[in-house]
Protein backbone atom coordinates (compact mmCIF):
# COMPACT_ATOMS: atom_id res chain seq x y z
CA UNK A 1 150.63 129.09 116.13
CA UNK A 2 148.05 129.67 118.89
CA UNK A 3 145.58 131.14 116.42
CA UNK A 4 146.01 128.18 114.13
CA UNK A 5 145.29 125.81 117.02
CA UNK A 6 142.17 127.76 118.00
CA UNK A 7 140.89 127.65 114.45
CA UNK A 8 141.58 123.94 114.32
CA UNK A 9 139.55 123.37 117.51
CA UNK A 10 136.72 125.49 116.14
CA UNK A 11 136.65 123.51 112.89
CA UNK A 12 136.64 120.20 114.80
CA UNK A 13 133.76 121.40 117.02
CA UNK A 14 131.77 122.52 113.98
CA UNK A 15 132.29 119.16 112.31
CA UNK A 16 131.08 117.36 115.45
CA UNK A 17 127.98 119.59 115.61
CA UNK A 18 127.20 118.91 111.93
CA UNK A 19 127.54 115.15 112.49
CA UNK A 20 125.17 115.30 115.49
CA UNK A 21 122.62 117.35 113.52
CA UNK A 22 122.79 114.88 110.64
CA UNK A 23 122.11 111.96 112.99
CA UNK A 24 119.14 113.77 114.53
CA UNK A 25 117.72 114.55 111.09
CA UNK A 26 118.03 110.91 110.04
CA UNK A 27 116.28 109.74 113.20
CA UNK A 28 113.54 112.26 112.71
CA UNK A 29 112.88 111.06 109.17
CA UNK A 30 112.80 107.32 109.90
CA UNK A 31 109.06 107.24 109.27
CA UNK A 32 109.50 108.42 105.71
CA UNK A 33 106.28 106.72 104.61
CA UNK A 34 103.90 108.76 106.74
CA UNK A 35 101.39 111.02 105.06
CA UNK A 36 102.83 114.33 103.90
CA UNK A 37 100.74 117.45 104.42
CA UNK A 38 100.49 119.87 101.49
CA UNK A 39 102.55 122.34 103.54
CA UNK A 40 105.35 119.82 104.02
CA UNK A 41 104.61 118.65 107.58
CA UNK A 42 104.01 115.03 108.50
CA UNK A 43 101.02 113.60 110.32
CA UNK A 44 99.58 110.29 111.41
CA UNK A 45 97.60 108.60 108.63
CA UNK A 46 93.99 107.81 109.54
CA UNK A 47 92.03 105.44 107.30
CA UNK A 48 88.50 104.04 107.41
CA UNK A 49 87.10 100.73 106.18
CA UNK A 50 83.53 99.41 105.91
CA UNK A 51 83.75 95.74 105.02
CA UNK A 52 81.73 92.62 104.30
CA UNK A 53 84.75 90.28 104.37
CA UNK A 54 86.98 89.58 107.35
CA UNK A 55 90.13 88.41 105.58
CA UNK A 56 90.86 90.77 102.67
CA UNK A 57 91.03 93.83 104.91
CA UNK A 58 93.12 91.88 107.44
CA UNK A 59 95.69 91.22 104.71
CA UNK A 60 95.75 94.90 103.70
CA UNK A 61 96.10 95.90 107.34
CA UNK A 62 99.26 93.82 107.80
CA UNK A 63 100.81 95.55 104.77
CA UNK A 64 99.79 99.01 106.03
CA UNK A 65 101.30 98.34 109.45
CA UNK A 66 104.50 96.98 107.94
CA UNK A 67 104.86 99.93 105.57
CA UNK A 68 103.70 102.86 107.70
CA UNK A 69 104.59 101.40 111.11
CA UNK A 70 103.02 103.20 114.06
CA UNK A 71 102.06 106.13 111.84
CA UNK A 72 98.81 104.61 110.59
CA UNK A 73 95.42 104.09 112.23
CA UNK A 74 92.76 101.99 110.54
CA UNK A 75 89.22 102.18 111.86
CA UNK A 76 87.09 99.22 110.78
CA UNK A 77 83.35 98.80 110.63
CA UNK A 78 83.05 95.09 110.00
CA UNK A 79 79.56 94.11 108.84
CA UNK A 80 80.49 90.51 108.01
CA UNK A 81 78.51 87.66 109.52
CA UNK A 82 81.88 85.99 110.22
CA UNK A 83 83.30 88.85 112.29
CA UNK A 84 83.69 86.58 115.34
CA UNK A 85 86.30 84.44 113.55
CA UNK A 86 88.76 87.35 113.59
CA UNK A 87 87.57 88.51 117.00
CA UNK A 88 86.06 91.63 115.47
CA UNK A 89 83.03 93.46 116.76
CA UNK A 90 80.23 93.40 114.21
CA UNK A 91 78.95 96.85 113.24
CA UNK A 92 75.39 97.51 112.21
CA UNK A 93 75.15 101.02 110.73
CA UNK A 94 71.90 102.24 109.28
CA UNK A 95 71.22 102.04 105.52
CA UNK A 96 74.31 99.95 104.63
CA UNK A 97 74.76 96.85 106.78
CA UNK A 98 74.94 93.07 106.49
CA UNK A 99 71.22 92.59 105.87
CA UNK A 100 70.61 95.62 103.63
CA UNK A 101 73.77 96.21 101.62
CA UNK A 102 72.42 94.41 98.54
CA UNK A 103 69.79 97.14 98.32
CA UNK A 104 72.46 99.81 98.02
CA UNK A 105 71.56 102.67 95.69
CA UNK A 106 72.15 106.42 95.45
CA UNK A 107 69.48 107.14 98.05
CA UNK A 108 70.97 104.77 100.65
CA UNK A 109 74.46 106.07 99.97
CA UNK A 110 73.27 109.65 100.42
CA UNK A 111 71.54 108.86 103.72
CA UNK A 112 74.56 106.92 105.01
CA UNK A 113 76.92 109.79 104.15
CA UNK A 114 74.62 112.40 105.65
CA UNK A 115 74.38 110.50 108.92
CA UNK A 116 78.13 109.87 109.16
CA UNK A 117 79.60 112.88 107.32
CA UNK A 118 81.36 114.48 110.29
CA UNK A 119 82.87 111.13 111.32
CA UNK A 120 83.99 110.18 107.81
CA UNK A 121 85.41 113.66 107.19
CA UNK A 122 87.96 113.07 109.96
CA UNK A 123 89.83 110.45 107.91
CA UNK A 124 92.67 110.96 105.43
CA UNK A 125 91.54 108.19 103.12
CA UNK A 126 89.46 105.06 102.72
CA UNK A 127 90.12 101.35 102.18
CA UNK A 128 87.55 99.36 100.19
CA UNK A 129 87.84 95.60 99.86
CA UNK A 130 84.48 93.86 99.78
CA UNK A 131 82.65 95.13 97.90
CA UNK A 132 84.07 97.83 95.53
CA UNK A 133 80.63 99.47 95.33
CA UNK A 134 81.45 100.98 98.74
CA UNK A 135 83.86 103.33 96.95
CA UNK A 136 80.75 105.32 96.01
CA UNK A 137 80.27 106.17 99.69
CA UNK A 138 83.51 108.14 99.85
CA UNK A 139 83.66 109.97 96.53
CA UNK A 140 82.24 113.23 97.89
CA UNK A 141 85.08 113.60 100.42
CA UNK A 142 87.75 114.15 97.77
CA UNK A 143 90.29 111.95 99.57
CA UNK A 144 92.27 108.88 98.44
CA UNK A 145 90.22 105.72 97.96
CA UNK A 146 92.15 102.42 97.87
CA UNK A 147 90.25 99.42 96.47
CA UNK A 148 91.22 95.75 96.55
CA UNK A 149 89.24 94.13 93.74
CA UNK A 150 88.81 90.54 94.94
CA UNK A 151 85.36 89.30 93.90
CA UNK A 152 83.25 90.64 91.00
CA UNK A 153 83.53 94.40 91.36
CA UNK A 154 79.93 94.96 90.22
CA UNK A 155 78.29 93.23 93.18
CA UNK A 156 75.45 93.39 94.05
CA UNK A 157 74.25 94.58 90.63
CA UNK A 158 75.77 92.14 88.11
CA UNK A 159 73.38 91.87 85.21
CA UNK A 160 70.43 92.95 87.34
CA UNK A 161 70.30 96.63 88.34
CA UNK A 162 71.77 98.00 85.12
CA UNK A 163 71.23 101.65 86.09
CA UNK A 164 73.24 101.36 89.32
CA UNK A 165 75.85 99.23 87.58
CA UNK A 166 76.38 101.88 84.92
CA UNK A 167 76.56 104.54 87.62
CA UNK A 168 79.20 102.50 89.49
CA UNK A 169 81.30 102.00 86.35
CA UNK A 170 81.05 105.69 85.43
CA UNK A 171 82.05 106.90 88.88
CA UNK A 172 84.96 104.47 89.11
CA UNK A 173 86.24 105.84 85.80
CA UNK A 174 85.80 109.43 86.96
CA UNK A 175 87.55 108.85 90.29
CA UNK A 176 90.38 107.03 88.53
CA UNK A 177 90.80 109.86 85.99
CA UNK A 178 90.89 112.41 88.82
CA UNK A 179 93.62 110.49 90.64
CA UNK A 180 91.66 109.82 93.81
CA UNK A 181 91.19 106.07 93.17
CA UNK A 182 93.75 103.28 93.31
CA UNK A 183 92.56 99.77 92.46
CA UNK A 184 94.61 96.59 92.85
CA UNK A 185 93.30 93.11 92.03
CA UNK A 186 94.25 90.09 94.10
CA UNK A 187 93.48 87.61 91.30
CA UNK A 188 93.78 87.63 87.52
CA UNK A 189 90.14 86.82 86.79
CA UNK A 190 88.77 89.84 88.62
CA UNK A 191 91.59 91.99 87.26
CA UNK A 192 90.65 91.18 83.68
CA UNK A 193 86.88 91.40 84.22
CA UNK A 194 87.29 94.78 85.91
CA UNK A 195 89.51 95.98 83.07
CA UNK A 196 87.10 94.79 80.39
CA UNK A 197 84.13 96.53 81.98
CA UNK A 198 85.71 99.79 83.21
CA UNK A 199 88.75 100.28 80.98
CA UNK A 200 90.84 100.76 84.13
CA UNK A 201 94.11 98.83 84.23
CA UNK A 202 94.87 97.40 87.68
CA UNK A 203 97.95 95.69 89.07
CA UNK A 204 97.64 92.03 89.99
CA UNK A 205 98.89 91.74 93.58
CA UNK A 206 98.01 88.38 95.16
CA UNK A 207 96.95 88.35 98.80
CA UNK A 208 99.70 87.21 101.16
CA UNK A 209 97.77 86.57 104.38
CA UNK A 210 100.70 86.53 106.78
CA UNK A 211 98.27 87.45 109.55
CA UNK A 212 97.74 83.76 110.42
CA UNK A 213 101.27 83.58 111.82
CA UNK A 214 101.37 79.78 111.44
CA UNK A 215 103.65 77.39 109.61
CA UNK A 216 103.28 73.88 108.21
CA UNK A 217 104.06 71.04 110.62
CA UNK A 218 102.52 68.00 108.94
CA UNK A 219 102.70 65.74 111.98
CA UNK A 220 99.46 63.91 111.14
CA UNK A 221 99.03 61.11 108.64
CA UNK A 222 95.68 62.41 107.40
CA UNK A 223 94.95 64.92 104.66
CA UNK A 224 92.34 67.63 105.18
CA UNK A 225 89.54 67.93 102.63
CA UNK A 226 87.80 71.24 101.81
CA UNK A 227 84.90 70.89 99.41
CA UNK A 228 81.18 70.50 99.01
CA UNK A 229 81.30 67.05 97.37
CA UNK A 230 81.40 64.12 99.77
CA UNK A 231 84.40 61.85 99.26
CA UNK A 232 85.13 58.64 101.11
CA UNK A 233 88.86 58.00 101.19
CA UNK A 234 91.18 56.61 103.83
CA UNK A 235 93.35 59.11 105.68
CA UNK A 236 91.16 62.02 104.55
CA UNK A 237 89.39 64.21 107.13
CA UNK A 238 86.65 66.62 106.10
CA UNK A 239 87.02 70.22 107.24
CA UNK A 240 83.36 70.12 108.29
CA UNK A 241 84.31 67.66 111.05
CA UNK A 242 86.76 70.05 112.71
CA UNK A 243 85.69 71.56 116.04
CA UNK A 244 84.06 74.97 115.99
CA UNK A 245 86.50 77.82 116.52
CA UNK A 246 89.56 75.75 115.60
CA UNK A 247 92.93 77.49 115.42
CA UNK A 248 94.79 78.08 112.15
CA UNK A 249 97.61 75.96 113.55
CA UNK A 250 95.35 72.89 113.40
CA UNK A 251 95.29 73.07 109.59
CA UNK A 252 99.09 73.01 109.60
CA UNK A 253 99.13 69.60 111.31
CA UNK A 254 97.65 67.73 108.34
CA UNK A 255 99.94 66.26 105.65
CA UNK A 256 98.27 68.49 103.09
CA UNK A 257 94.97 70.07 102.12
CA UNK A 258 92.74 68.83 99.28
CA UNK A 259 90.57 71.56 97.78
CA UNK A 260 87.60 71.27 95.46
CA UNK A 261 87.23 75.04 95.09
CA UNK A 262 83.94 76.91 94.90
CA UNK A 263 85.77 79.99 93.61
CA UNK A 264 88.82 80.72 91.47
CA UNK A 265 90.32 82.78 94.30
CA UNK A 266 89.85 82.20 98.02
CA UNK A 267 91.58 83.69 101.02
CA UNK A 268 91.94 80.27 102.68
CA UNK A 269 94.12 79.05 99.79
CA UNK A 270 96.25 82.20 100.06
CA UNK A 271 96.58 81.60 103.81
CA UNK A 272 97.58 77.98 103.40
CA UNK A 273 100.05 78.63 100.59
CA UNK A 274 101.86 81.27 102.65
CA UNK A 275 102.00 78.76 105.53
CA UNK A 276 103.75 76.33 103.12
CA UNK A 277 100.98 73.72 103.40
CA UNK A 278 101.03 71.28 100.42
CA UNK A 279 97.88 71.89 98.36
CA UNK A 280 96.04 69.43 96.12
CA UNK A 281 93.33 70.59 93.66
CA UNK A 282 91.51 69.18 90.62
CA UNK A 283 92.95 69.76 87.16
CA UNK A 284 91.30 72.43 85.02
CA UNK A 285 89.38 69.79 83.10
CA UNK A 286 88.18 67.95 86.19
CA UNK A 287 87.22 71.14 88.03
CA UNK A 288 84.98 72.16 85.14
CA UNK A 289 83.44 68.68 85.07
CA UNK A 290 82.72 68.84 88.80
CA UNK A 291 80.86 72.11 88.32
CA UNK A 292 81.54 73.48 91.81
CA UNK A 293 82.52 77.01 90.82
CA UNK A 294 79.99 79.75 91.66
CA UNK A 295 82.15 82.40 89.98
CA UNK A 296 79.77 83.31 87.14
CA UNK A 297 76.24 82.24 88.00
CA UNK A 298 75.96 83.28 91.64
CA UNK A 299 77.47 86.70 90.97
CA UNK A 300 75.41 87.22 87.80
CA UNK A 301 78.36 88.14 85.58
CA UNK A 302 77.14 90.29 82.69
CA UNK A 303 75.97 87.95 79.93
CA UNK A 304 77.53 90.11 77.21
CA UNK A 305 80.96 89.84 78.83
CA UNK A 306 83.70 87.53 77.66
CA UNK A 307 83.84 86.44 81.30
CA UNK A 308 80.33 84.98 81.27
CA UNK A 309 82.24 81.86 80.12
CA UNK A 310 83.49 79.88 83.12
CA UNK A 311 86.52 78.71 81.10
CA UNK A 312 87.92 82.26 81.24
CA UNK A 313 87.87 82.19 85.03
CA UNK A 314 89.32 78.69 85.32
CA UNK A 315 92.27 79.77 83.15
CA UNK A 316 92.91 82.64 85.57
CA UNK A 317 92.43 80.74 88.86
CA UNK A 318 95.02 81.40 91.55
CA UNK A 319 95.83 77.72 92.06
CA UNK A 320 96.76 77.30 88.37
CA UNK A 321 99.03 80.35 88.35
CA UNK A 322 102.52 78.88 88.45
CA UNK A 323 104.03 82.35 88.47
CA UNK A 324 102.57 82.91 91.92
CA UNK A 325 101.69 79.44 93.24
CA UNK A 326 104.05 76.77 91.93
CA UNK A 327 104.23 73.32 93.55
CA UNK A 328 100.46 72.82 93.79
CA UNK A 329 99.54 69.18 93.01
CA UNK A 330 96.68 68.25 90.65
CA UNK A 331 94.41 65.24 90.09
CA UNK A 332 92.28 64.55 87.02
CA UNK A 333 89.86 62.06 88.62
CA UNK A 334 88.95 60.66 92.04
CA UNK A 335 90.94 57.51 91.29
CA UNK A 336 93.96 59.63 90.44
CA UNK A 337 93.56 61.45 93.76
CA UNK A 338 93.60 58.13 95.65
CA UNK A 339 96.84 57.18 93.92
CA UNK A 340 98.37 60.60 94.49
CA UNK A 341 97.76 60.45 98.23
CA UNK A 342 99.78 57.23 98.36
CA UNK A 343 102.99 58.61 96.93
CA UNK A 344 103.00 62.42 97.24
CA UNK A 345 106.15 63.73 98.94
CA UNK A 346 104.71 66.47 101.12
CA UNK A 347 108.03 67.12 102.88
CA UNK A 348 109.75 67.92 99.60
CA UNK A 349 106.84 70.09 98.48
CA UNK A 350 106.77 72.16 101.66
CA UNK A 351 110.56 72.75 101.38
CA UNK A 352 110.12 74.00 97.82
CA UNK A 353 107.21 76.20 98.87
CA UNK A 354 109.23 77.60 101.75
CA UNK A 355 112.10 78.61 99.46
CA UNK A 356 109.74 80.10 96.89
CA UNK A 357 107.71 82.00 99.47
CA UNK A 358 110.77 84.09 100.35
CA UNK A 359 110.83 85.60 96.86
CA UNK A 360 107.04 85.60 96.59
CA UNK A 361 106.71 87.56 99.83
CA UNK A 362 109.35 90.05 98.77
CA UNK A 363 107.63 90.64 95.43
CA UNK A 364 104.12 91.04 96.88
CA UNK A 365 105.26 93.35 99.65
CA UNK A 366 107.18 95.51 97.20
CA UNK A 367 104.12 95.79 94.96
CA UNK A 368 101.87 96.67 97.90
CA UNK A 369 104.33 99.33 99.05
CA UNK A 370 104.20 101.00 95.65
CA UNK A 371 100.42 100.88 95.63
CA UNK A 372 100.29 102.86 98.88
CA UNK A 373 101.75 105.90 97.12
CA UNK A 374 98.20 107.21 96.78
CA UNK A 375 98.32 108.07 100.49
CA UNK A 376 101.57 110.06 100.18
CA UNK A 377 100.17 113.39 99.05
């Protein structure tokens, strides 16, 4: 009887020890998304970004921090002329910087890499947002390159420097084939243009822009107007009249925002949609008539491409994509806009946007999480 009791105590103790060990193992593996070393050990993920745009990388950064938690470091060299808006220090590296990047070629890339090789070699991977040509900087390091294709991937070449453009396309294909390149597109126009020109299929993952941290209030009677065409309407305030350095929260005070877009995809529209601000834009027909889009001409889209036709871009504009941005309001003339402003129910619209944004956020975050698999090697 005594022996049986002793064995029972031993078994109970062993069970308790196993339970404790299991708990410790679970706690130790809570950061399951950190980078995995080839030998099986985990380490902190260090990424580098050289960027001409302040917002696209900010959106990616919020996803990285949500997914990897404290186990990711992102070092940014921001060469944007708008760096002050995000409170970022503006970098000015030699060979590739804000004033010289349009002259980028193999020689400049080689000099930039040579000067910064030891520094760049210390990173586990690279984030490229604006512009995708910067992926060429990192190809010699043999590490993951993550590209957000947001605005004509072939900048600054377009239909101009054909030799460098062909080199870019060829290297993107090679890096993709070798598994070191992951490209996602934040709008359907650039997704399809990229696919047509490179043969690389990319996922469409719209930008979320939760970094603003603001929400629609709508406590003003006026609407805010964002556009390059002067309009004279009651209860409409032009964005150009806002004070310098205004806070994002100020935009949320207006009843809604009227956009006459200059592009088929802009980060400000992503920001405002996520903040549940009612948005008002021209119809497809009226937008083409207004002729405000710089999508094709300014970026010198290849003339032989299907996407040299502005209609192709209008059809793929973010603000006409009801699968991602429902509840946007449209006007087909200035008179129709005046009428719309008199009866639009902005409170109902923001409630519908709020409900939809729950599912929209879940879908975008899930897609971004899957795209980060390139860093789990």
